Amino acid sequence: MKAMLFAAGLGTRLKPFTDHCPKALVTVNDKTLLEHNIRYLQRFGIYEVIVNVHHFASMIEDTIFENDGFGSEVTISDERSEVLETGGGLKKAAYFFDGSGDFVVMNVDILTNLDLGKMIVEHNEGNVMGTLAVMKRDSSRHFLFNSSMHLCGWMNNKTNEQRIARHEEPLTPFAFSGIQVLSQSVLQDIPFEGKFSLVDLYLRLAEKNILKGYDHTGNLFIDVGKPESIEKAEYLFQ
């Protein structure tokens, strides 16, 4: 199995740390987020990884080269000319997954003890297009799921904007954890170009396909997106 780590973002919430380095190289207990997540994937037998780069791209490339991929075979998806967001980034890197079956995609700035192996098994048994790791927690945005945990919509809790792909009731909100297991079919005929979010793609796919939520509420999880979250991450992930 292969995986993609999203590491191209500007990391604006992590300023001033990201004024001089990319968020992927922010350290938690003397290990970069990049190393933490490459090693996290290794625990589940995933040693082939593609990493997209934009902000301080050469620093990420140098770190990977100097550390021999931290024991994994790491490919770079170069977005120096334009950061493509999550959807555009995956589409640019789609060639990497040709013929490799299901694959994992995750954000580089999260840390969790989610049992990815169990999530992969559930994805394989569910005959679904994608499986999204979600939790019951506060967030500015939520995915909306029906009683079978099938993705039906999305909402912005700050603006009250809702985007509904399937009109079903009741719908339950869950916060997305930035980890997903996807089938090859997700990459076929993606109807967007350039810069776009995976949220756009998932909502389009959910109209006629099943994308399922994997509830891992109760696991350790932290989005290392702000300076104050680094101290908490160092306590939780020693």
C-alpha atoms as a PDB file:
ATOM      1  CA  MET A   1       0.000   0.000   0.000  1.00  0.00           C
ATOM      2  CA  LYS A   2       1.122   3.569  -0.748  1.00  0.00           C
ATOM      3  CA  ALA A   3       0.362   6.878   0.931  1.00  0.00           C
ATOM      4  CA  MET A   4       0.429  10.628   0.383  1.00  0.00           C
ATOM      5  CA  LEU A   5       1.374  13.245   2.958  1.00  0.00           C
ATOM      6  CA  PHE A   6       0.073  16.767   2.395  1.00  0.00           C
ATOM      7  CA  ALA A   7       2.992  19.047   3.298  1.00  0.00           C
ATOM      8  CA  ALA A   8       2.634  21.928   0.842  1.00  0.00           C
ATOM      9  CA  GLY A   9       0.578  24.309   2.972  1.00  0.00           C
ATOM     10  CA  LEU A  10       1.863  27.683   4.135  1.00  0.00           C
ATOM     11  CA  GLY A  11       1.270  26.890   7.791  1.00  0.00           C
ATOM     12  CA  THR A  12       0.022  30.387   8.534  1.00  0.00           C
ATOM     13  CA  ARG A  13      -1.525  29.322  11.859  1.00  0.00           C
ATOM     14  CA  LEU A  14       1.910  28.187  13.040  1.00  0.00           C
ATOM     15  CA  LYS A  15       3.604  31.549  12.640  1.00  0.00           C
ATOM     16  CA  PRO A  16       6.233  32.576  13.688  1.00  0.00           C
ATOM     17  CA  PHE A  17       7.554  29.009  13.378  1.00  0.00           C
ATOM     18  CA  THR A  18       6.697  28.842   9.687  1.00  0.00           C
ATOM     19  CA  ASP A  19       8.346  32.181   8.853  1.00  0.00           C
ATOM     20  CA  HIS A  20      11.586  30.255   8.529  1.00  0.00           C
ATOM     21  CA  CYS A  21      10.611  26.644   7.873  1.00  0.00           C
ATOM     22  CA  PRO A  22       7.663  24.615   6.519  1.00  0.00           C
ATOM     23  CA  LYS A  23       5.126  23.188   8.947  1.00  0.00           C
ATOM     24  CA  ALA A  24       6.282  19.682   8.032  1.00  0.00           C
ATOM     25  CA  LEU A  25       9.591  20.433   9.759  1.00  0.00           C
ATOM     26  CA  VAL A  26       8.135  21.796  12.990  1.00  0.00           C
ATOM     27  CA  THR A  27       9.451  19.529  15.741  1.00  0.00           C
ATOM     28  CA  VAL A  28       7.557  17.671  18.448  1.00  0.00           C
ATOM     29  CA  ASN A  29       9.877  16.027  20.975  1.00  0.00           C
ATOM     30  CA  ASP A  30      12.881  16.496  18.683  1.00  0.00           C
ATOM     31  CA  LYS A  31      11.224  14.840  15.699  1.00  0.00           C
ATOM     32  CA  THR A  32       9.715  16.729  12.799  1.00  0.00           C
ATOM     33  CA  LEU A  33       6.058  16.242  11.971  1.00  0.00           C
ATOM     34  CA  LEU A  34       7.269  14.785   8.674  1.00  0.00           C
ATOM     35  CA  GLU A  35       9.286  12.090  10.455  1.00  0.00           C
ATOM     36  CA  HIS A  36       6.498  11.394  12.953  1.00  0.00           C
ATOM     37  CA  ASN A  37       4.043  10.667  10.158  1.00  0.00           C
ATOM     38  CA  ILE A  38       6.394   8.721   7.908  1.00  0.00           C
ATOM     39  CA  ARG A  39       7.127   6.474  10.886  1.00  0.00           C
ATOM     40  CA  TYR A  40       3.426   6.327  11.762  1.00  0.00           C
ATOM     41  CA  LEU A  41       2.706   4.958   8.288  1.00  0.00           C
ATOM     42  CA  GLN A  42       5.545   2.452   8.632  1.00  0.00           C
ATOM     43  CA  ARG A  43       3.845   0.942  11.690  1.00  0.00           C
ATOM     44  CA  PHE A  44       1.096  -0.204   9.335  1.00  0.00           C
ATOM     45  CA  GLY A  45       3.405  -1.536   6.650  1.00  0.00           C
ATOM     46  CA  ILE A  46       3.375   1.539   4.400  1.00  0.00           C
ATOM     47  CA  TYR A  47       6.850   2.373   3.103  1.00  0.00           C
ATOM     48  CA  GLU A  48       6.094   4.102  -0.205  1.00  0.00           C
ATOM     49  CA  VAL A  49       5.075   7.720   0.288  1.00  0.00           C
ATOM     50  CA  ILE A  50       4.644  10.777  -1.896  1.00  0.00           C
ATOM     51  CA  VAL A  51       4.969  14.196  -0.242  1.00  0.00           C
ATOM     52  CA  ASN A  52       3.783  17.406  -1.886  1.00  0.00           C
ATOM     53  CA  VAL A  53       5.900  20.513  -1.332  1.00  0.00           C
ATOM     54  CA  HIS A  54       5.528  24.265  -1.860  1.00  0.00           C
ATOM     55  CA  HIS A  55       6.452  26.429   1.164  1.00  0.00           C
ATOM     56  CA  PHE A  56      10.231  26.076   1.772  1.00  0.00           C
ATOM     57  CA  ALA A  57      10.111  23.084  -0.561  1.00  0.00           C
ATOM     58  CA  SER A  58      13.880  22.618  -0.746  1.00  0.00           C
ATOM     59  CA  MET A  59      14.110  22.294   3.050  1.00  0.00           C
ATOM     60  CA  ILE A  60      11.714  19.351   2.971  1.00  0.00           C
ATOM     61  CA  GLU A  61      13.563  17.757   0.065  1.00  0.00           C
ATOM     62  CA  ASP A  62      16.917  18.176   1.842  1.00  0.00           C
ATOM     63  CA  THR A  63      15.556  16.681   5.061  1.00  0.00           C
ATOM     64  CA  ILE A  64      14.205  13.645   3.226  1.00  0.00           C
ATOM     65  CA  PHE A  65      17.485  13.165   1.339  1.00  0.00           C
ATOM     66  CA  GLU A  66      19.709  13.645   4.390  1.00  0.00           C
ATOM     67  CA  ASN A  67      17.690  11.117   6.395  1.00  0.00           C
ATOM     68  CA  ASP A  68      17.268   8.601   3.579  1.00  0.00           C
ATOM     69  CA  GLY A  69      13.493   8.989   3.734  1.00  0.00           C
ATOM     70  CA  PHE A  70      13.498   7.921   7.395  1.00  0.00           C
ATOM     71  CA  GLY A  71      13.527   4.357   6.096  1.00  0.00           C
ATOM     72  CA  SER A  72      10.804   4.819   3.479  1.00  0.00           C
ATOM     73  CA  GLU A  73      10.886   5.348  -0.278  1.00  0.00           C
ATOM     74  CA  VAL A  74       9.768   8.972  -0.575  1.00  0.00           C
ATOM     75  CA  THR A  75       8.750  10.703  -3.807  1.00  0.00           C
ATOM     76  CA  ILE A  76       8.296  14.473  -4.112  1.00  0.00           C
ATOM     77  CA  SER A  77       5.277  16.085  -5.788  1.00  0.00           C
ATOM     78  CA  ASP A  78       6.512  19.576  -6.650  1.00  0.00           C
ATOM     79  CA  GLU A  79       3.978  22.390  -6.226  1.00  0.00           C
ATOM     80  CA  ARG A  80       6.506  25.230  -6.088  1.00  0.00           C
ATOM     81  CA  SER A  81       4.739  27.152  -8.873  1.00  0.00           C
ATOM     82  CA  GLU A  82       1.337  27.026  -7.172  1.00  0.00           C
ATOM     83  CA  VAL A  83      -0.006  25.332  -4.063  1.00  0.00           C
ATOM     84  CA  LEU A  84      -2.937  23.220  -5.255  1.00  0.00           C
ATOM     85  CA  GLU A  85      -4.769  22.559  -1.968  1.00  0.00           C
ATOM     86  CA  THR A  86      -5.715  19.018  -1.018  1.00  0.00           C
ATOM     87  CA  GLY A  87      -7.791  18.051  -4.044  1.00  0.00           C
ATOM     88  CA  GLY A  88      -5.483  19.568  -6.625  1.00  0.00           C
ATOM     89  CA  GLY A  89      -2.496  18.129  -4.800  1.00  0.00           C
ATOM     90  CA  LEU A  90      -3.931  14.615  -4.915  1.00  0.00           C
ATOM     91  CA  LYS A  91      -4.833  14.956  -8.592  1.00  0.00           C
ATOM     92  CA  LYS A  92      -1.275  16.059  -9.454  1.00  0.00           C
ATOM     93  CA  ALA A  93       0.119  13.055  -7.562  1.00  0.00           C
ATOM     94  CA  ALA A  94      -2.408  10.555  -8.956  1.00  0.00           C
ATOM     95  CA  TYR A  95       0.189   8.930 -11.226  1.00  0.00           C
ATOM     96  CA  PHE A  96       2.004   7.672  -8.128  1.00  0.00           C
ATOM     97  CA  PHE A  97      -0.904   5.376  -7.250  1.00  0.00           C
ATOM     98  CA  ASP A  98      -1.465   3.843 -10.713  1.00  0.00           C
ATOM     99  CA  GLY A  99      -2.099   0.139 -10.344  1.00  0.00           C
ATOM    100  CA  SER A 100      -1.372   0.094  -6.607  1.00  0.00           C
ATOM    101  CA  GLY A 101      -4.883  -0.486  -5.272  1.00  0.00           C
ATOM    102  CA  ASP A 102      -6.242   1.353  -2.256  1.00  0.00           C
ATOM    103  CA  PHE A 103      -4.076   4.043  -0.683  1.00  0.00           C
ATOM    104  CA  VAL A 104      -3.851   6.368   2.323  1.00  0.00           C
ATOM    105  CA  VAL A 105      -3.829  10.171   2.294  1.00  0.00           C
ATOM    106  CA  MET A 106      -3.141  12.263   5.389  1.00  0.00           C
ATOM    107  CA  ASN A 107      -2.154  15.731   6.539  1.00  0.00           C
ATOM    108  CA  VAL A 108       1.405  16.132   7.770  1.00  0.00           C
ATOM    109  CA  ASP A 109       0.435  18.394  10.675  1.00  0.00           C
ATOM    110  CA  ILE A 110      -1.648  15.902  12.653  1.00  0.00           C
ATOM    111  CA  LEU A 111      -0.618  13.385  15.285  1.00  0.00           C
ATOM    112  CA  THR A 112      -2.823  10.507  16.398  1.00  0.00           C
ATOM    113  CA  ASN A 113      -2.801   6.975  17.780  1.00  0.00           C
ATOM    114  CA  LEU A 114      -5.618   5.933  15.435  1.00  0.00           C
ATOM    115  CA  ASP A 115      -5.243   2.262  14.498  1.00  0.00           C
ATOM    116  CA  LEU A 116      -4.863   2.805  10.768  1.00  0.00           C
ATOM    117  CA  GLY A 117      -4.710  -0.955  10.207  1.00  0.00           C
ATOM    118  CA  LYS A 118      -8.240  -1.427  11.521  1.00  0.00           C
ATOM    119  CA  MET A 119      -9.444   1.490   9.431  1.00  0.00           C
ATOM    120  CA  ILE A 120      -7.936  -0.067   6.297  1.00  0.00           C
ATOM    121  CA  VAL A 121      -9.622  -3.413   7.068  1.00  0.00           C
ATOM    122  CA  GLU A 122     -12.999  -1.705   7.501  1.00  0.00           C
ATOM    123  CA  HIS A 123     -12.487   0.161   4.239  1.00  0.00           C
ATOM    124  CA  ASN A 124     -11.722  -3.083   2.409  1.00  0.00           C
ATOM    125  CA  GLU A 125     -14.753  -4.834   3.880  1.00  0.00           C
ATOM    126  CA  GLY A 126     -17.134  -1.972   3.164  1.00  0.00           C
ATOM    127  CA  ASN A 127     -16.950  -1.871  -0.638  1.00  0.00           C
ATOM    128  CA  VAL A 128     -16.825   1.925  -0.490  1.00  0.00           C
ATOM    129  CA  MET A 129     -15.065   4.565  -2.552  1.00  0.00           C
ATOM    130  CA  GLY A 130     -13.441   6.201   0.446  1.00  0.00           C
ATOM    131  CA  THR A 131     -13.237   5.966   4.226  1.00  0.00           C
ATOM    132  CA  LEU A 132     -12.724   9.174   6.201  1.00  0.00           C
ATOM    133  CA  ALA A 133     -11.394   9.231   9.764  1.00  0.00           C
ATOM    134  CA  VAL A 134     -13.704  11.403  11.866  1.00  0.00           C
ATOM    135  CA  MET A 135     -14.310  12.225  15.518  1.00  0.00           C
ATOM    136  CA  LYS A 136     -16.898  13.763  17.772  1.00  0.00           C
ATOM    137  CA  ARG A 137     -15.065  16.981  18.676  1.00  0.00           C
ATOM    138  CA  ASP A 138     -15.379  20.722  18.363  1.00  0.00           C
ATOM    139  CA  SER A 139     -14.393  22.118  14.982  1.00  0.00           C
ATOM    140  CA  SER A 140     -15.215  25.087  12.789  1.00  0.00           C
ATOM    141  CA  ARG A 141     -16.307  22.678  10.069  1.00  0.00           C
ATOM    142  CA  HIS A 142     -17.979  19.277  10.110  1.00  0.00           C
ATOM    143  CA  PHE A 143     -18.828  16.535   7.663  1.00  0.00           C
ATOM    144  CA  LEU A 144     -22.439  15.325   7.915  1.00  0.00           C
ATOM    145  CA  PHE A 145     -23.270  11.619   7.956  1.00  0.00           C
ATOM    146  CA  ASN A 146     -26.475   9.589   7.917  1.00  0.00           C
ATOM    147  CA  SER A 147     -27.262   6.759  10.352  1.00  0.00           C
ATOM    148  CA  SER A 148     -25.112   4.364   8.280  1.00  0.00           C
ATOM    149  CA  MET A 149     -22.141   6.768   8.465  1.00  0.00           C
ATOM    150  CA  HIS A 150     -22.402   7.529   4.766  1.00  0.00           C
ATOM    151  CA  LEU A 151     -21.200  11.009   3.838  1.00  0.00           C
ATOM    152  CA  CYS A 152     -24.131  13.274   2.999  1.00  0.00           C
ATOM    153  CA  GLY A 153     -22.883  16.832   3.448  1.00  0.00           C
ATOM    154  CA  TRP A 154     -20.647  19.447   5.007  1.00  0.00           C
ATOM    155  CA  MET A 155     -21.203  22.498   7.168  1.00  0.00           C
ATOM    156  CA  ASN A 156     -19.253  25.561   8.270  1.00  0.00           C
ATOM    157  CA  ASN A 157     -20.155  26.252  11.886  1.00  0.00           C
ATOM    158  CA  LYS A 158     -18.929  29.854  11.764  1.00  0.00           C
ATOM    159  CA  THR A 159     -20.957  30.932   8.740  1.00  0.00           C
ATOM    160  CA  ASN A 160     -23.757  28.320   8.958  1.00  0.00           C
ATOM    161  CA  GLU A 161     -23.096  27.415   5.317  1.00  0.00           C
ATOM    162  CA  GLN A 162     -24.239  23.910   4.435  1.00  0.00           C
ATOM    163  CA  ARG A 163     -23.533  21.847   1.343  1.00  0.00           C
ATOM    164  CA  ILE A 164     -25.734  18.776   1.034  1.00  0.00           C
ATOM    165  CA  ALA A 165     -24.911  15.931  -1.337  1.00  0.00           C
ATOM    166  CA  ARG A 166     -27.641  13.564  -0.131  1.00  0.00           C
ATOM    167  CA  HIS A 167     -30.871  14.844   1.361  1.00  0.00           C
ATOM    168  CA  GLU A 168     -31.342  12.407   4.223  1.00  0.00           C
ATOM    169  CA  GLU A 169     -32.417  12.788   7.839  1.00  0.00           C
ATOM    170  CA  PRO A 170     -31.158  12.778  10.470  1.00  0.00           C
ATOM    171  CA  LEU A 171     -27.604  13.942   9.748  1.00  0.00           C
ATOM    172  CA  THR A 172     -24.898  13.827  12.406  1.00  0.00           C
ATOM    173  CA  PRO A 173     -21.844  16.117  12.403  1.00  0.00           C
ATOM    174  CA  PHE A 174     -18.328  14.753  12.802  1.00  0.00           C
ATOM    175  CA  ALA A 175     -14.985  16.563  12.602  1.00  0.00           C
ATOM    176  CA  PHE A 176     -12.612  15.301   9.926  1.00  0.00           C
ATOM    177  CA  SER A 177      -9.240  14.053  11.179  1.00  0.00           C
ATOM    178  CA  GLY A 178      -7.325  14.592   7.942  1.00  0.00           C
ATOM    179  CA  ILE A 179      -6.780  10.866   7.307  1.00  0.00           C
ATOM    180  CA  GLN A 180      -8.498   8.909   4.557  1.00  0.00           C
ATOM    181  CA  VAL A 181      -8.269   5.530   2.858  1.00  0.00           C
ATOM    182  CA  LEU A 182      -9.242   5.816  -0.792  1.00  0.00           C
ATOM    183  CA  SER A 183     -10.005   3.425  -3.613  1.00  0.00           C
ATOM    184  CA  GLN A 184      -8.508   3.845  -7.074  1.00  0.00           C
ATOM    185  CA  SER A 185     -11.920   4.856  -8.402  1.00  0.00           C
ATOM    186  CA  VAL A 186     -11.597   8.220  -6.609  1.00  0.00           C
ATOM    187  CA  LEU A 187      -8.856   9.156  -9.083  1.00  0.00           C
ATOM    188  CA  GLN A 188     -10.885   8.403 -12.203  1.00  0.00           C
ATOM    189  CA  ASP A 189     -12.291  11.403 -14.058  1.00  0.00           C
ATOM    190  CA  ILE A 190     -11.852  13.972 -11.276  1.00  0.00           C
ATOM    191  CA  PRO A 191     -14.176  16.793 -12.456  1.00  0.00           C
ATOM    192  CA  PHE A 192     -12.023  19.685 -11.173  1.00  0.00           C
ATOM    193  CA  GLU A 193      -8.835  21.359 -12.372  1.00  0.00           C
ATOM    194  CA  GLY A 194      -6.114  23.383 -10.708  1.00  0.00           C
ATOM    195  CA  LYS A 195      -6.580  24.372  -7.076  1.00  0.00           C
ATOM    196  CA  PHE A 196      -9.471  22.708  -5.221  1.00  0.00           C
ATOM    197  CA  SER A 197     -10.261  21.011  -1.923  1.00  0.00           C
ATOM    198  CA  LEU A 198     -10.908  17.337  -1.316  1.00  0.00           C
ATOM    199  CA  VAL A 199     -14.138  18.484   0.319  1.00  0.00           C
ATOM    200  CA  ASP A 200     -15.348  19.571  -3.133  1.00  0.00           C
ATOM    201  CA  LEU A 201     -14.438  16.203  -4.605  1.00  0.00           C
ATOM    202  CA  TYR A 202     -15.946  14.155  -1.788  1.00  0.00           C
ATOM    203  CA  LEU A 203     -19.249  16.006  -1.881  1.00  0.00           C
ATOM    204  CA  ARG A 204     -19.464  15.505  -5.643  1.00  0.00           C
ATOM    205  CA  LEU A 205     -18.669  11.800  -5.320  1.00  0.00           C
ATOM    206  CA  ALA A 206     -21.079  11.345  -2.399  1.00  0.00           C
ATOM    207  CA  GLU A 207     -24.055  12.210  -4.615  1.00  0.00           C
ATOM    208  CA  LYS A 208     -23.860   8.799  -6.312  1.00  0.00           C
ATOM    209  CA  ASN A 209     -21.237   6.847  -4.379  1.00  0.00           C
ATOM    210  CA  ILE A 210     -20.588   5.763  -0.817  1.00  0.00           C
ATOM    211  CA  LEU A 211     -17.900   7.454   1.210  1.00  0.00           C
ATOM    212  CA  LYS A 212     -18.025   6.273   4.775  1.00  0.00           C
ATOM    213  CA  GLY A 213     -16.963   7.841   8.048  1.00  0.00           C
ATOM    214  CA  TYR A 214     -14.714   5.905  10.414  1.00  0.00           C
ATOM    215  CA  ASP A 215     -15.433   7.129  13.935  1.00  0.00           C
ATOM    216  CA  HIS A 216     -12.300   7.022  16.084  1.00  0.00           C
ATOM    217  CA  THR A 217     -13.594   9.216  18.892  1.00  0.00           C
ATOM    218  CA  GLY A 218     -11.563   8.538  22.030  1.00  0.00           C
ATOM    219  CA  ASN A 219      -8.213   8.169  20.274  1.00  0.00           C
ATOM    220  CA  LEU A 220      -5.423  10.626  20.923  1.00  0.00           C
ATOM    221  CA  PHE A 221      -5.528  13.290  18.236  1.00  0.00           C
ATOM    222  CA  ILE A 222      -4.071  16.738  17.813  1.00  0.00           C
ATOM    223  CA  ASP A 223      -3.917  19.136  14.894  1.00  0.00           C
ATOM    224  CA  VAL A 224      -0.511  20.767  15.334  1.00  0.00           C
ATOM    225  CA  GLY A 225      -1.760  23.923  13.677  1.00  0.00           C
ATOM    226  CA  LYS A 226      -0.960  26.591  16.251  1.00  0.00           C
ATOM    227  CA  PRO A 227       2.119  27.324  18.388  1.00  0.00           C
ATOM    228  CA  GLU A 228       0.265  26.467  21.606  1.00  0.00           C
ATOM    229  CA  SER A 229      -0.627  23.035  20.218  1.00  0.00           C
ATOM    230  CA  ILE A 230       3.052  22.045  20.024  1.00  0.00           C
ATOM    231  CA  GLU A 231       3.400  21.930  23.814  1.00  0.00           C
ATOM    232  CA  LYS A 232       0.257  19.821  24.094  1.00  0.00           C
ATOM    233  CA  ALA A 233       1.519  17.487  21.357  1.00  0.00           C
ATOM    234  CA  GLU A 234       4.824  17.021  23.165  1.00  0.00           C
ATOM    235  CA  TYR A 235       2.920  15.949  26.277  1.00  0.00           C
ATOM    236  CA  LEU A 236       0.596  13.558  24.440  1.00  0.00           C
ATOM    237  CA  PHE A 237       3.094  12.021  21.990  1.00  0.00           C
ATOM    238  CA  GLN A 238       6.279  11.407  23.959  1.00  0.00           C
END
